[in-house]
Amino acid sequence: MPSRPAGARPGTKAPTLRGPFDPGGQPRLTVDHHLHLSLFAWNVSSGLSASKAVLSDVQSHRDFWKWPTASKLMRAIEEAGFDSQLQYGMWSGYGGDTGWNDAGLDFATAATASAAVTERVGIYSTVHVGYHMSPLLLAKVFADIDHISGGRLGVNIVAGQNAVDYAQFGLVGPPSQEIRYAIADEMTTALKLLWSSDEPVDFEGEYFQLYGALINPRATSRPRPLLICAAASDIGLDYATRQCDALFVTADDNTVDGYRKKAARIHGMAAEHGRQVRIAAMCYVVMDDTDAKALETVEWMRGQIDRGAIETWLTRSGHILNSEARTVSDEVVGDARVSSGVARDPYLGIGKEHYEGLGMGMGAYQLFGSYETVADQLIALYEAGVGQFALSFFDPQRGVRQMRDHVLPILRERGYNRIRV
């Protein structure tokens, strides 16, 4: 442990270095019969669409992240009745013919600009915490965004695992899963402490040290900004249920019943720590007047999946890539796949269903069909325990209008998402 730096002002010792830690309690997480709707991945090129179909109208389907368009999207979701915008965290994209996620707005700029052009919707940013960014820096940036937004900030914490991004920051990585979530745990505790303290604090953790640290203004949100996490492993879920408020989950079988079981498990884990959590799902939406018209668009997009972009995503994610075999060597992961021969597999080693799921939503729950069908699916997931829906659209501008004009009226007719005054 480094010695206390000369010149450091006096600070109160942090009461803990790891969670659970909720000074002042947790933010409010539920509203009766209200599905929390977020516009997701609007800040990166193509969003969750890894299909060359985006090239049919670049401005609408790929480059909606550019601010002249994105600023209109922010105002549109507020007018339509969405609850928040949720940014996708991205430091390097996946290329391919579409340049999937190669360009976009960063976690601080996108959040600040969104706050300035809206009045009500939540401003949910996404930050990676493994790249040697100081908790003091992030606490200050986010507290200022929270101040500008009038207390509408939420922060999605990501324990990064992309080796390309570690290298961009001059680091060798990723570290082990245990270390990545230990770093996230310390970072989260330090953020909560700095957001809520009106006196300088000392924080002497294994990964972060702060002496006489203080930010002003503190967080405007009470008791603090909402914290979000997407985790799947036991280690990740342990961290998330101890420290975060909303958890993005996937079901192993991607069914409504699967989400119900996962929600019950996670609520139980949080309860063991004396906490509550909101269950969230990432959803990819293609809808139209009828199921047939929506599925026609889906099939068109599936036929143009950007194989090069998917292959890069899989390589960086370390997935085993051989869908023709039941078992493969553990060595055929990550960069090893390049020389393994599995790239010749028509579905890059993950099978047709998974391959198409990545191309059409990066593995998100797929809401494909008529407006009635989409409303039915949203309600079914909500009744299964999902409280927040991060919606990504092939055409975000059209998708927001469709939600406003068709899906939300159906939800309200059925007793959900009534306009609040």
Foldseek 3Di string as FASTA:
>chain_A
DDDDDPPFDAAAEQPDQFFLDDVQAADDDDDPQAFQEEAEAQFFFQRLAQFCVCVVPVCQQGVCNPPVNVLVLLVLLVVLQHAAYAYDADDAAQDFPRRGRHDGDHQQVVLQSSLQSDQGHAREGEDEQPLPDALLVVLQSQQVSLVSNQNRYEYEYDLDFFQVVSVVSVHGDDDDPLVSLSSVRSSLSSSSCQLQDPWFHFYDDPRHTDGRGHHPPRHSHVVHHAYEYEDDDPSRLLRCLGRGAEYEYAFPVLDLLSLLVVLVVSQVSNVVNVHGHAYEFEEEEFADAWLVVQVVVLVVRLVGRRLSSVLSVQLRVFDQFAQPDPDDDSQCTHPNVVPPPSSVPPQRRPDDVQSSCSNRRNVGNYQTTYLVSSLVVSVSNVVSRHRYYHYYYSRSVVVSVCCSPGNVVVSVVVPHSDDDD
